[in-house]
Amino acid sequence: MRRHAREPDYMKIPPLPIHEFRRIESRGPYFIPELAANRRCTDKFFDVIFFINVSFLVVFTVVVIWDKNLTYGLYGQDACGNVCGIKNVYITNMSEGCKVTDYTDYPIFLYEKNRGMCIREEDCKAPEKKLVHRRCFPENMERSRLERLLYETLVHSLESMSTILAMMLVALFLCLLMYLCYLINAHITSMTLTFAGIIFVTLISINSWFLFFKYYKIVYMLPSVLTLIYLAAVVIVLILVGDSFTLVIGLYAQAIKMIRKAPVLLFQPLISIAFVFAVDAALVYMILVLQFCADNVKLAHMSYHTWYAVFLFLMVYWLHGMANGCQCMIVAGVTAAHFFTREEPPHCAYLRSVWVTLRYHLGSVGAGSCVLTFVRIFMPIATCFENNKICFVLFNQCCELVKAHASYFTKKAYIMTALHGRSLHPSGLRTARLVWLFMCDIIAIDNLACTCMHMASFFFLLCSLLVFTLMTAQLELASGARLAVIVLIFSGTITFFYVSLMNTVVETLIVCFCEDRHMNDGSRYNPYYMSSELFGLMIDALELAYKETQTQEDS
């Protein structure tokens, strides 16, 4: 089979044998995945960077919380520091001319142009003012609009917590049901999920558009638009996939066999989800603290709270990527342990993979989550300015460098690190060379399988959104829209990590297939580790890719 694309320079170097790649003696035995005793901490630089950033985050958090207590912000306080709705007894650092005031009968905090004050509930009347929980927002104040939006979202979210939890349980139930059906029969489940999903989403779309034109509520328009997007995406994918759809189903069947050997993997997404939700809860708490903190301390002509907010969002995004990276490396380690075995299945493979990831490769996880983020941001910029004559030579060289290395800074680099215990950069380069050598980048059924899984995730979100629409049809326009976004965020997090589990197993099988073919020849004395079903599946995919290539050349 010939490639249409030119071979990159870094692909011309063949992958090193495992002994040379691991830098061990050629005569000694080796295991895949590598034993914990033979591993070393990888990407230590990013370990140091990560812990330094966490230290700064802790210090900044203590300073911000110490500056203003969240209780004061939630209840509101006047210019002197008296909290609304309580009997104030003592105020630290009271300004001159202020006094301690009993605000038991004044529970409402009113925003004024220069200062806030505590008022009675009957003093906050529409249309000039709007009462949200214990805060009174004047309609004509620019500053209060953002804070009112934040406060209304918080209050409505707390009041509708049961609805949000119900939607999260719906998404979780659908994900677990999908895996249960796949464990029973992968082929029937894939076909049912595809075609039954199309029929179900079509009915949802027709019903949502009917309700929207009948009642003219945006709460019905959101599922209507999303269902149309889903149907269009499904049709496009089915047209593009064509004959590869059967191969994708076969790849799912092989992935499910691995999950059946290690059913504990189904609990790993729950751990990742719990970690992400804890980080999100801390983010919401600190946003509230920041919103109600005083801005009297400046840093470089900016409030230090602004610097902290930017740093906080970057750290949260980094931690989200690390949660996904840790799950990827743990799942890859367990899958590889079951793949490269000819005898009894390995014992405690999951616990070993968790220990290896947290003990030796946390730096690689941090490096991948950090570098991948910046690569995704920089690549469009590099592409836009690639042919621009105004660009300097140095910038053009940076563009070429990013293009050359972006192809192996992928999830497969995590997988190779889990297999051999090397740093992310050499692991990603080895993966790219193996995939290129055995033409797995041409067949691309792993990418198709991941795309189909993400479409299933989108279908689950539609189902959650449908249940949410039925439960909250009587809400106001703004409240319903805000809650819908919150439901999509939480439900999307659950479906993302469960879909990522299947995608990681699929990509691990592709990497293990390449590694197996590289070190074995399938002969009687050097047989493959892979099953005959997986080998036949990959050969069929190569033949199909060859036919498509011949068709393109003939045309």
Protein backbone atom coordinates (compact mmCIF):
# COMPACT_ATOMS: atom_id res chain seq x y z
CA MET A 1 0.00 0.00 0.00
CA ARG A 2 1.31 3.42 -0.93
CA ARG A 3 0.72 6.59 1.02
CA HIS A 4 -0.51 9.81 -0.49
CA ALA A 5 1.15 11.86 2.24
CA ARG A 6 4.90 12.51 2.29
CA GLU A 7 6.77 10.65 5.00
CA PRO A 8 7.92 13.07 7.73
CA ASP A 9 11.60 13.09 8.52
CA TYR A 10 11.20 11.84 12.07
CA MET A 11 9.22 8.81 10.77
CA LYS A 12 12.14 7.57 8.66
CA ILE A 13 13.92 6.33 11.79
CA PRO A 14 12.56 2.86 12.65
CA PRO A 15 11.29 2.20 16.18
CA LEU A 16 13.95 0.94 18.56
CA PRO A 17 13.77 -2.57 19.98
CA ILE A 18 12.23 -2.70 23.42
CA HIS A 19 15.57 -3.35 25.16
CA GLU A 20 17.15 -0.28 23.59
CA PHE A 21 14.07 1.85 24.15
CA ARG A 22 13.97 0.93 27.84
CA ARG A 23 17.79 1.08 28.08
CA ILE A 24 18.15 -2.36 29.61
CA GLU A 25 20.32 -5.37 28.79
CA SER A 26 19.26 -7.22 25.66
CA ARG A 27 19.62 -10.63 27.28
CA GLY A 28 17.52 -9.89 30.29
CA PRO A 29 13.80 -10.66 30.42
CA TYR A 30 11.27 -7.89 30.07
CA PHE A 31 7.58 -7.52 30.77
CA ILE A 32 4.80 -5.45 29.25
CA PRO A 33 3.80 -3.35 31.04
CA GLU A 34 7.16 -2.70 32.65
CA LEU A 35 7.52 -3.75 36.30
CA ALA A 36 7.29 -1.03 38.91
CA ALA A 37 10.74 -1.94 40.25
CA ASN A 38 12.33 -1.06 36.91
CA ARG A 39 10.58 2.27 36.46
CA ARG A 40 11.81 5.74 37.28
CA CYS A 41 9.96 8.99 37.77
CA THR A 42 9.29 10.53 34.35
CA ASP A 43 9.07 14.19 33.35
CA LYS A 44 10.27 15.40 36.75
CA PHE A 45 10.36 18.98 35.49
CA PHE A 46 6.58 19.03 35.19
CA ASP A 47 6.31 17.39 38.60
CA VAL A 48 8.17 20.35 40.06
CA ILE A 49 6.14 22.86 38.02
CA PHE A 50 2.89 21.25 39.10
CA PHE A 51 3.70 21.23 42.82
CA ILE A 52 4.98 24.81 42.66
CA ASN A 53 1.70 25.88 41.07
CA VAL A 54 -0.31 23.96 43.65
CA SER A 55 1.69 25.68 46.40
CA PHE A 56 0.97 29.10 44.88
CA LEU A 57 -2.69 28.15 44.57
CA VAL A 58 -2.88 27.22 48.25
CA VAL A 59 -1.13 30.43 49.32
CA PHE A 60 -3.35 32.62 47.12
CA THR A 61 -6.45 30.80 48.34
CA VAL A 62 -5.55 31.38 51.99
CA VAL A 63 -4.88 35.08 51.29
CA VAL A 64 -8.17 35.57 49.44
CA ILE A 65 -10.28 33.75 52.02
CA TRP A 66 -8.53 35.60 54.84
CA ASP A 67 -9.33 38.91 53.13
CA LYS A 68 -13.08 38.43 53.22
CA ASN A 69 -15.22 35.67 54.71
CA LEU A 70 -17.75 34.08 52.37
CA THR A 71 -20.53 34.47 54.92
CA TYR A 72 -20.20 38.24 54.74
CA GLY A 73 -20.54 38.09 50.99
CA LEU A 74 -23.58 35.81 50.99
CA TYR A 75 -25.47 37.89 53.53
CA GLY A 76 -24.09 41.25 52.47
CA GLN A 77 -22.72 44.04 54.63
CA ASP A 78 -22.85 47.80 54.76
CA ALA A 79 -19.94 50.21 54.40
CA CYS A 80 -19.03 49.81 58.06
CA GLY A 81 -18.89 46.02 57.91
CA ASN A 82 -22.20 45.25 59.64
CA VAL A 83 -23.69 42.01 58.25
CA CYS A 84 -27.31 42.20 57.13
CA GLY A 85 -29.94 40.07 58.90
CA ILE A 86 -28.07 39.51 62.18
CA LYS A 87 -27.32 41.33 65.40
CA ASN A 88 -23.75 42.56 64.97
CA VAL A 89 -21.72 42.56 68.17
CA TYR A 90 -18.14 43.33 67.15
CA ILE A 91 -16.42 44.48 63.93
CA THR A 92 -12.67 44.33 63.46
CA ASN A 93 -10.87 47.32 61.94
CA MET A 94 -13.97 49.52 62.10
CA SER A 95 -13.64 52.80 60.19
CA GLU A 96 -13.96 56.14 61.92
CA GLY A 97 -17.54 57.31 62.22
CA CYS A 98 -19.00 53.78 62.03
CA LYS A 99 -20.84 51.91 64.74
CA VAL A 100 -22.06 48.40 65.41
CA THR A 101 -25.69 48.06 64.24
CA ASP A 102 -28.42 45.52 64.89
CA TYR A 103 -29.71 44.47 61.44
CA THR A 104 -32.01 41.68 62.58
CA ASP A 105 -35.00 43.39 60.93
CA TYR A 106 -33.00 44.37 57.85
CA PRO A 107 -32.13 41.07 56.11
CA ILE A 108 -31.94 42.37 52.53
CA PHE A 109 -28.73 43.75 51.05
CA LEU A 110 -29.28 46.64 48.58
CA TYR A 111 -26.69 47.66 46.02
CA GLU A 112 -26.05 51.38 45.76
CA LYS A 113 -23.75 53.27 43.42
CA ASN A 114 -21.01 53.87 45.94
CA ARG A 115 -21.86 51.54 48.81
CA GLY A 116 -24.27 48.85 49.93
CA MET A 117 -26.84 49.06 52.68
CA CYS A 118 -29.23 46.77 54.57
CA ILE A 119 -32.97 47.25 54.03
CA ARG A 120 -36.28 45.54 54.74
CA GLU A 121 -37.80 43.14 52.25
CA GLU A 122 -40.74 45.44 51.52
CA ASP A 123 -38.31 48.19 50.46
CA CYS A 124 -37.20 46.13 47.44
CA LYS A 125 -40.05 46.41 44.97
CA ALA A 126 -40.30 45.91 41.21
CA PRO A 127 -39.86 47.24 38.59
CA GLU A 128 -37.00 49.46 39.83
CA LYS A 129 -35.49 46.66 41.93
CA LYS A 130 -35.36 42.89 41.77
CA LEU A 131 -35.15 40.66 44.83
CA VAL A 132 -33.06 37.51 44.52
CA HIS A 133 -32.93 35.49 47.72
CA ARG A 134 -31.50 38.07 50.20
CA ARG A 135 -30.19 40.58 47.69
CA CYS A 136 -31.87 43.56 46.08
CA PHE A 137 -30.54 44.48 42.63
CA PRO A 138 -31.38 47.86 41.03
CA GLU A 139 -32.22 47.36 37.36
CA ASN A 140 -30.20 50.39 36.22
CA MET A 141 -26.85 49.46 37.78
CA GLU A 142 -24.25 48.02 35.40
CA ARG A 143 -22.07 46.56 38.12
CA SER A 144 -24.85 44.61 39.74
CA ARG A 145 -25.93 42.77 36.57
CA LEU A 146 -23.01 40.35 36.54
CA GLU A 147 -23.27 39.74 40.25
CA ARG A 148 -27.03 39.30 39.97
CA LEU A 149 -26.55 36.72 37.21
CA LEU A 150 -24.05 34.86 39.36
CA TYR A 151 -26.26 35.03 42.43
CA GLU A 152 -29.43 33.99 40.59
CA THR A 153 -27.63 31.03 39.04
CA LEU A 154 -26.35 29.94 42.45
CA VAL A 155 -29.75 30.28 44.14
CA HIS A 156 -31.66 28.50 41.37
CA SER A 157 -29.06 25.75 41.27
CA LEU A 158 -29.38 25.13 45.00
CA GLU A 159 -33.16 25.19 44.78
CA SER A 160 -33.11 22.74 41.84
CA MET A 161 -30.40 20.49 43.23
CA SER A 162 -32.74 17.49 43.20
CA THR A 163 -33.37 18.03 39.47
CA ILE A 164 -29.65 18.34 38.73
CA LEU A 165 -28.89 15.16 40.69
CA ALA A 166 -31.68 13.35 38.84
CA MET A 167 -30.18 14.33 35.48
CA MET A 168 -26.74 13.19 36.59
CA LEU A 169 -28.20 9.83 37.62
CA VAL A 170 -29.94 9.55 34.25
CA ALA A 171 -26.65 10.09 32.43
CA LEU A 172 -24.84 7.62 34.71
CA PHE A 173 -27.59 5.03 34.27
CA LEU A 174 -27.45 5.31 30.48
CA CYS A 175 -23.66 4.91 30.44
CA LEU A 176 -23.74 1.84 32.68
CA LEU A 177 -26.63 0.39 30.66
CA MET A 178 -24.59 0.81 27.49
CA TYR A 179 -21.64 -1.09 28.97
CA LEU A 180 -23.95 -3.81 30.30
CA CYS A 181 -25.48 -4.29 26.85
CA TYR A 182 -22.02 -4.33 25.27
CA LEU A 183 -20.93 -7.03 27.70
CA ILE A 184 -23.91 -9.12 26.59
CA ASN A 185 -23.54 -8.61 22.83
CA ALA A 186 -21.41 -5.89 21.28
CA HIS A 187 -22.74 -6.26 17.72
CA ILE A 188 -26.44 -6.06 18.61
CA THR A 189 -25.80 -3.19 21.03
CA SER A 190 -23.93 -1.15 18.42
CA MET A 191 -26.63 -1.61 15.79
CA THR A 192 -29.43 -0.93 18.30
CA LEU A 193 -27.70 2.14 19.72
CA THR A 194 -27.22 3.55 16.23
CA PHE A 195 -30.58 2.97 14.56
CA ALA A 196 -32.81 3.10 17.65
CA GLY A 197 -31.01 6.29 18.60
CA ILE A 198 -31.78 7.80 15.20
CA ILE A 199 -35.48 6.92 15.49
CA PHE A 200 -35.72 8.11 19.10
CA VAL A 201 -33.92 11.38 18.43
CA THR A 202 -36.10 12.00 15.36
CA LEU A 203 -39.23 11.64 17.50
CA ILE A 204 -37.73 13.96 20.12
CA SER A 205 -36.92 16.53 17.45
CA ILE A 206 -40.42 16.47 15.97
CA ASN A 207 -42.05 16.73 19.39
CA SER A 208 -39.71 19.52 20.56
CA TRP A 209 -40.30 21.62 17.46
CA PHE A 210 -44.05 21.08 17.83
CA LEU A 211 -43.99 22.26 21.46
CA PHE A 212 -41.76 25.20 20.59
CA PHE A 213 -44.08 26.52 17.88
CA LYS A 214 -47.06 25.88 20.13
CA TYR A 215 -45.82 27.60 23.31
CA TYR A 216 -42.84 29.65 21.96
CA LYS A 217 -40.61 28.74 24.90
CA ILE A 218 -36.84 28.55 24.43
CA VAL A 219 -36.73 25.60 26.83
CA TYR A 220 -38.18 23.55 23.96
CA MET A 221 -35.95 25.12 21.31
CA LEU A 222 -32.70 23.90 22.86
CA PRO A 223 -33.43 20.16 22.48
CA SER A 224 -34.89 20.83 19.04
CA VAL A 225 -31.68 22.35 17.72
CA LEU A 226 -29.46 19.79 19.43
CA THR A 227 -31.44 16.87 18.00
CA LEU A 228 -31.10 18.28 14.49
CA ILE A 229 -27.34 18.63 14.97
CA TYR A 230 -27.15 15.05 16.23
CA LEU A 231 -29.14 13.65 13.30
CA ALA A 232 -27.00 15.54 10.78
CA ALA A 233 -23.80 14.29 12.45
CA VAL A 234 -25.03 10.68 12.48
CA VAL A 235 -25.95 10.76 8.79
CA ILE A 236 -22.59 12.30 7.84
CA VAL A 237 -20.63 9.79 9.91
CA LEU A 238 -22.56 6.81 8.50
CA ILE A 239 -21.93 8.06 4.96
CA LEU A 240 -18.22 8.56 5.62
CA VAL A 241 -17.76 5.32 7.55
CA GLY A 242 -19.49 3.08 5.03
CA ASP A 243 -18.02 -0.42 5.08
CA SER A 244 -15.82 0.42 8.09
CA PHE A 245 -18.81 0.37 10.42
CA THR A 246 -18.64 -3.42 10.74
CA LEU A 247 -14.96 -3.18 11.60
CA VAL A 248 -15.70 -0.53 14.22
CA ILE A 249 -18.24 -2.87 15.83
CA GLY A 250 -15.63 -5.63 15.84
CA LEU A 251 -13.17 -3.30 17.54
CA TYR A 252 -15.79 -2.57 20.21
CA ALA A 253 -16.19 -6.32 20.73
CA GLN A 254 -12.43 -6.69 21.31
CA ALA A 255 -12.43 -3.75 23.73
CA ILE A 256 -15.33 -5.22 25.69
CA LYS A 257 -13.41 -8.49 26.05
CA MET A 258 -10.69 -6.54 27.84
CA ILE A 259 -13.21 -4.81 30.09
CA ARG A 260 -14.82 -8.19 30.85
CA LYS A 261 -11.41 -9.44 32.03
CA ALA A 262 -11.06 -6.40 34.32
CA PRO A 263 -14.56 -5.20 35.28
CA VAL A 264 -13.04 -2.98 37.96
CA LEU A 265 -12.29 -0.54 35.11
CA LEU A 266 -15.96 0.47 35.16
CA PHE A 267 -15.36 2.12 38.55
CA GLN A 268 -12.41 4.21 37.38
CA PRO A 269 -14.60 6.87 35.69
CA LEU A 270 -16.48 7.32 38.98
CA ILE A 271 -13.20 8.20 40.71
CA SER A 272 -12.31 10.67 37.97
CA ILE A 273 -15.80 12.20 38.05
CA ALA A 274 -15.66 12.59 41.84
CA PHE A 275 -12.27 14.33 41.57
CA VAL A 276 -13.50 16.70 38.84
CA PHE A 277 -16.67 17.55 40.76
CA ALA A 278 -14.60 18.28 43.89
CA VAL A 279 -12.38 20.61 41.86
CA ASP A 280 -15.46 22.29 40.34
CA ALA A 281 -17.01 22.72 43.80
CA ALA A 282 -13.83 24.40 45.01
CA LEU A 283 -13.88 26.61 41.91
CA VAL A 284 -17.47 27.72 42.57
CA TYR A 285 -16.65 28.43 46.21
CA MET A 286 -13.65 30.55 45.30
CA ILE A 287 -15.59 32.43 42.62
CA LEU A 288 -18.10 33.39 45.28
CA VAL A 289 -15.33 34.47 47.60
CA LEU A 290 -13.71 36.50 44.83
CA GLN A 291 -16.97 38.16 43.91
CA PHE A 292 -17.49 39.45 47.43
CA CYS A 293 -13.88 40.20 48.31
CA ALA A 294 -12.67 43.75 48.70
CA ASP A 295 -10.40 45.09 45.99
CA ASN A 296 -8.24 47.29 48.18
CA VAL A 297 -5.04 45.31 47.67
CA LYS A 298 -3.39 45.92 44.30
CA LEU A 299 -0.69 44.03 42.44
CA ALA A 300 0.84 45.61 39.32
CA HIS A 301 -2.04 48.11 39.04
CA MET A 302 -4.54 45.22 39.14
CA SER A 303 -6.49 43.75 41.98
CA TYR A 304 -4.71 40.64 43.19
CA HIS A 305 -8.10 38.92 43.02
CA THR A 306 -8.00 39.31 39.22
CA TRP A 307 -4.61 37.63 39.05
CA TYR A 308 -5.87 34.91 41.33
CA ALA A 309 -9.00 34.36 39.19
CA VAL A 310 -6.91 33.87 36.03
CA PHE A 311 -4.52 31.55 37.84
CA LEU A 312 -7.44 29.64 39.37
CA PHE A 313 -9.10 28.93 36.02
CA LEU A 314 -5.80 27.79 34.48
CA MET A 315 -5.15 25.43 37.38
CA VAL A 316 -8.68 24.01 37.25
CA TYR A 317 -8.34 23.38 33.51
CA TRP A 318 -4.99 21.71 34.12
CA LEU A 319 -6.45 19.51 36.88
CA HIS A 320 -9.31 18.45 34.58
CA GLY A 321 -6.74 17.37 32.00
CA MET A 322 -4.74 15.53 34.65
CA ALA A 323 -7.85 13.62 35.77
CA ASN A 324 -8.40 12.46 32.21
CA GLY A 325 -4.70 11.66 31.76
CA CYS A 326 -4.53 9.61 34.97
CA GLN A 327 -7.59 7.62 33.93
CA CYS A 328 -6.08 7.05 30.49
CA MET A 329 -2.78 5.78 31.89
CA ILE A 330 -4.42 3.56 34.51
CA VAL A 331 -6.81 1.99 32.00
CA ALA A 332 -3.99 1.52 29.48
CA GLY A 333 -1.84 -0.24 32.07
CA VAL A 334 -4.61 -2.68 32.98
CA THR A 335 -5.51 -3.35 29.33
CA ALA A 336 -1.87 -3.98 28.37
CA ALA A 337 -1.39 -6.31 31.34
CA HIS A 338 -4.24 -8.51 30.08
CA PHE A 339 -3.16 -8.19 26.44
CA PHE A 340 0.45 -9.33 26.90
CA THR A 341 -0.22 -12.54 28.81
CA ARG A 342 -0.31 -16.15 27.62
CA GLU A 343 -1.16 -17.80 30.90
CA GLU A 344 -3.41 -16.83 33.78
CA PRO A 345 -4.63 -13.23 33.94
CA PRO A 346 -2.47 -10.94 36.07
CA HIS A 347 -3.47 -10.40 39.68
CA CYS A 348 -4.15 -6.92 41.07
CA ALA A 349 -3.44 -5.34 37.69
CA TYR A 350 -5.65 -2.36 38.49
CA LEU A 351 -3.99 -1.57 41.83
CA ARG A 352 -0.54 -1.92 40.25
CA SER A 353 -1.50 0.43 37.44
CA VAL A 354 -2.83 3.00 39.91
CA TRP A 355 0.36 2.79 41.98
CA VAL A 356 2.65 3.07 38.96
CA THR A 357 0.76 6.07 37.58
CA LEU A 358 0.70 8.04 40.83
CA ARG A 359 4.19 7.04 41.95
CA TYR A 360 6.20 7.33 38.74
CA HIS A 361 4.26 9.04 35.96
CA LEU A 362 2.36 11.94 37.51
CA GLY A 363 4.86 14.25 35.84
CA SER A 364 4.08 12.74 32.42
CA VAL A 365 0.36 13.18 33.07
CA GLY A 366 0.95 16.80 33.98
CA ALA A 367 3.20 17.31 30.96
CA GLY A 368 0.64 15.82 28.58
CA SER A 369 -2.31 17.76 29.95
CA CYS A 370 -0.29 20.98 29.84
CA VAL A 371 1.39 20.52 26.46
CA LEU A 372 -1.71 19.21 24.70
CA THR A 373 -3.65 22.27 25.78
CA PHE A 374 -1.08 24.67 24.43
CA VAL A 375 -0.62 22.65 21.23
CA ARG A 376 -4.35 22.85 20.53
CA ILE A 377 -4.24 26.62 21.04
CA PHE A 378 -1.02 27.22 19.09
CA MET A 379 -1.67 24.98 16.07
CA PRO A 380 -4.46 27.15 14.54
CA ILE A 381 -2.26 30.21 15.01
CA ALA A 382 0.68 28.43 13.38
CA THR A 383 -1.47 27.34 10.46
CA CYS A 384 -2.86 30.85 9.90
CA PHE A 385 0.56 32.50 9.85
CA GLU A 386 2.47 29.74 8.09
CA ASN A 387 2.51 31.41 4.65
CA ASN A 388 2.41 34.98 5.86
CA LYS A 389 5.43 36.96 4.59
CA ILE A 390 5.30 39.25 7.60
CA CYS A 391 6.16 36.39 9.93
CA PHE A 392 9.73 36.24 11.13
CA VAL A 393 11.93 33.27 10.34
CA LEU A 394 11.95 32.24 13.99
CA PHE A 395 8.17 32.12 14.09
CA ASN A 396 8.09 29.99 10.93
CA GLN A 397 10.54 27.59 12.52
CA CYS A 398 8.29 27.40 15.57
CA CYS A 399 5.36 26.57 13.29
CA GLU A 400 7.29 23.72 11.69
CA LEU A 401 8.41 22.46 15.09
CA VAL A 402 4.85 22.43 16.40
CA LYS A 403 3.61 20.65 13.26
CA ALA A 404 6.33 18.05 13.52
CA HIS A 405 5.67 17.20 17.15
CA ALA A 406 1.90 17.63 17.42
CA SER A 407 1.25 14.28 15.75
CA TYR A 408 2.68 12.28 18.67
CA PHE A 409 1.48 14.39 21.59
CA THR A 410 -1.72 12.37 21.79
CA LYS A 411 -3.45 9.97 24.14
CA LYS A 412 -1.33 7.18 22.66
CA ALA A 413 1.73 8.77 24.26
CA TYR A 414 0.13 8.17 27.68
CA ILE A 415 -0.48 4.56 26.65
CA MET A 416 3.13 4.01 25.60
CA THR A 417 4.35 5.50 28.89
CA ALA A 418 2.11 3.06 30.75
CA LEU A 419 3.62 0.19 28.72
CA HIS A 420 7.33 0.97 28.98
CA GLY A 421 7.75 3.57 31.71
CA ARG A 422 9.55 6.16 29.57
CA SER A 423 8.92 9.89 29.44
CA LEU A 424 6.09 11.35 27.39
CA HIS A 425 8.25 12.72 24.55
CA PRO A 426 10.09 9.50 23.57
CA SER A 427 6.91 7.50 24.20
CA GLY A 428 4.89 9.66 21.85
CA LEU A 429 7.61 9.49 19.20
CA ARG A 430 7.80 5.69 19.43
CA THR A 431 4.01 5.44 19.16
CA ALA A 432 3.93 7.63 16.06
CA ARG A 433 6.64 5.56 14.39
CA LEU A 434 4.94 2.25 15.21
CA VAL A 435 1.56 3.47 13.99
CA TRP A 436 3.19 4.78 10.80
CA LEU A 437 5.19 1.57 10.29
CA PHE A 438 2.15 -0.71 10.43
CA MET A 439 -0.10 1.80 8.62
CA CYS A 440 -2.61 2.07 11.46
CA ASP A 441 -2.89 5.76 10.69
CA ILE A 442 -4.33 4.84 7.27
CA ILE A 443 -7.06 2.51 8.52
CA ALA A 444 -8.05 4.92 11.31
CA ILE A 445 -10.78 2.65 12.67
CA ASP A 446 -9.79 3.67 16.19
CA ASN A 447 -10.66 7.29 15.33
CA LEU A 448 -13.97 6.16 13.86
CA ALA A 449 -14.70 4.13 16.97
CA CYS A 450 -13.95 7.12 19.20
CA THR A 451 -16.18 9.33 17.04
CA CYS A 452 -19.06 6.87 17.35
CA MET A 453 -18.60 6.76 21.12
CA HIS A 454 -18.75 10.54 21.34
CA MET A 455 -21.96 10.47 19.30
CA ALA A 456 -23.39 7.99 21.80
CA SER A 457 -22.35 10.39 24.57
CA PHE A 458 -24.19 13.20 22.79
CA PHE A 459 -27.26 10.97 22.53
CA PHE A 460 -27.18 10.38 26.29
CA LEU A 461 -26.99 14.14 26.84
CA LEU A 462 -30.07 14.57 24.67
CA CYS A 463 -31.93 12.01 26.76
CA SER A 464 -30.93 13.82 29.96
CA LEU A 465 -31.98 17.13 28.44
CA LEU A 466 -35.34 15.65 27.45
CA VAL A 467 -36.04 14.48 30.99
CA PHE A 468 -34.93 17.88 32.28
CA THR A 469 -37.30 19.64 29.85
CA LEU A 470 -40.23 17.56 31.08
CA MET A 471 -39.39 18.27 34.72
CA THR A 472 -38.80 22.03 34.34
CA ALA A 473 -41.23 23.08 31.61
CA GLN A 474 -42.90 25.59 33.97
CA LEU A 475 -39.72 27.50 34.80
CA GLU A 476 -39.03 31.01 33.57
CA LEU A 477 -37.04 31.46 30.38
CA ALA A 478 -33.78 32.66 31.97
CA SER A 479 -33.89 30.21 34.88
CA GLY A 480 -34.58 27.24 32.62
CA ALA A 481 -31.76 28.15 30.24
CA ARG A 482 -29.21 28.54 33.04
CA LEU A 483 -30.22 25.26 34.66
CA ALA A 484 -30.08 23.52 31.27
CA VAL A 485 -26.46 24.65 30.86
CA ILE A 486 -25.60 23.38 34.36
CA VAL A 487 -27.28 20.04 33.66
CA LEU A 488 -25.37 19.69 30.39
CA ILE A 489 -22.07 20.45 32.14
CA PHE A 490 -22.58 17.87 34.90
CA SER A 491 -24.12 15.21 32.69
CA GLY A 492 -21.51 15.87 30.00
CA THR A 493 -18.72 15.29 32.54
CA ILE A 494 -20.17 11.90 33.44
CA THR A 495 -20.65 10.76 29.86
CA PHE A 496 -17.23 12.10 28.84
CA PHE A 497 -15.30 10.00 31.34
CA TYR A 498 -17.29 6.85 30.63
CA VAL A 499 -16.90 7.28 26.89
CA SER A 500 -13.21 8.01 27.44
CA LEU A 501 -12.90 4.60 29.12
CA MET A 502 -14.01 2.79 25.96
CA ASN A 503 -11.92 5.05 23.72
CA THR A 504 -8.81 4.44 25.82
CA VAL A 505 -9.24 0.66 25.65
CA VAL A 506 -9.69 0.89 21.87
CA GLU A 507 -6.57 3.01 21.38
CA THR A 508 -4.59 0.76 23.75
CA LEU A 509 -5.51 -2.23 21.60
CA ILE A 510 -4.16 -0.41 18.52
CA VAL A 511 -0.88 0.43 20.28
CA CYS A 512 -0.55 -3.12 21.64
CA PHE A 513 -1.24 -4.49 18.15
CA CYS A 514 1.63 -2.44 16.72
CA GLU A 515 3.95 -3.34 19.60
CA ASP A 516 3.08 -7.03 19.26
CA ARG A 517 3.81 -7.06 15.53
CA HIS A 518 7.06 -5.20 16.09
CA MET A 519 8.51 -7.71 18.57
CA ASN A 520 6.89 -10.93 17.22
CA ASP A 521 6.44 -12.41 13.75
CA GLY A 522 3.49 -14.72 14.40
CA SER A 523 5.50 -17.86 13.73
CA ARG A 524 5.32 -21.08 15.70
CA TYR A 525 8.34 -20.15 17.77
CA ASN A 526 7.47 -16.47 18.15
CA PRO A 527 3.66 -16.20 18.19
CA TYR A 528 1.62 -13.07 18.66
CA TYR A 529 0.05 -12.16 21.96
CA MET A 530 -3.04 -10.79 20.22
CA SER A 531 -6.07 -12.94 19.53
CA SER A 532 -6.77 -14.23 16.05
CA GLU A 533 -9.96 -12.14 15.99
CA LEU A 534 -8.06 -8.89 16.56
CA PHE A 535 -5.41 -9.82 14.01
CA GLY A 536 -8.05 -10.67 11.40
CA LEU A 537 -9.91 -7.45 12.18
CA MET A 538 -6.81 -5.32 11.60
CA ILE A 539 -5.94 -7.17 8.39
CA ASP A 540 -9.48 -6.61 7.08
CA ALA A 541 -9.14 -2.93 7.93
CA LEU A 542 -5.85 -2.73 6.02
CA GLU A 543 -7.41 -4.44 3.00
CA LEU A 544 -10.34 -2.04 3.06
CA ALA A 545 -7.97 0.92 3.28
CA TYR A 546 -5.99 -0.52 0.36
CA LYS A 547 -9.16 -0.77 -1.78
CA GLU A 548 -10.08 2.81 -0.94
CA THR A 549 -6.56 3.94 -1.85
CA GLN A 550 -6.74 2.12 -5.18
CA THR A 551 -10.12 3.73 -5.89
CA GLN A 552 -8.66 7.18 -5.21
CA GLU A 553 -5.70 6.50 -7.47
CA ASP A 554 -7.92 5.23 -10.31
CA SER A 555 -10.18 8.26 -10.07
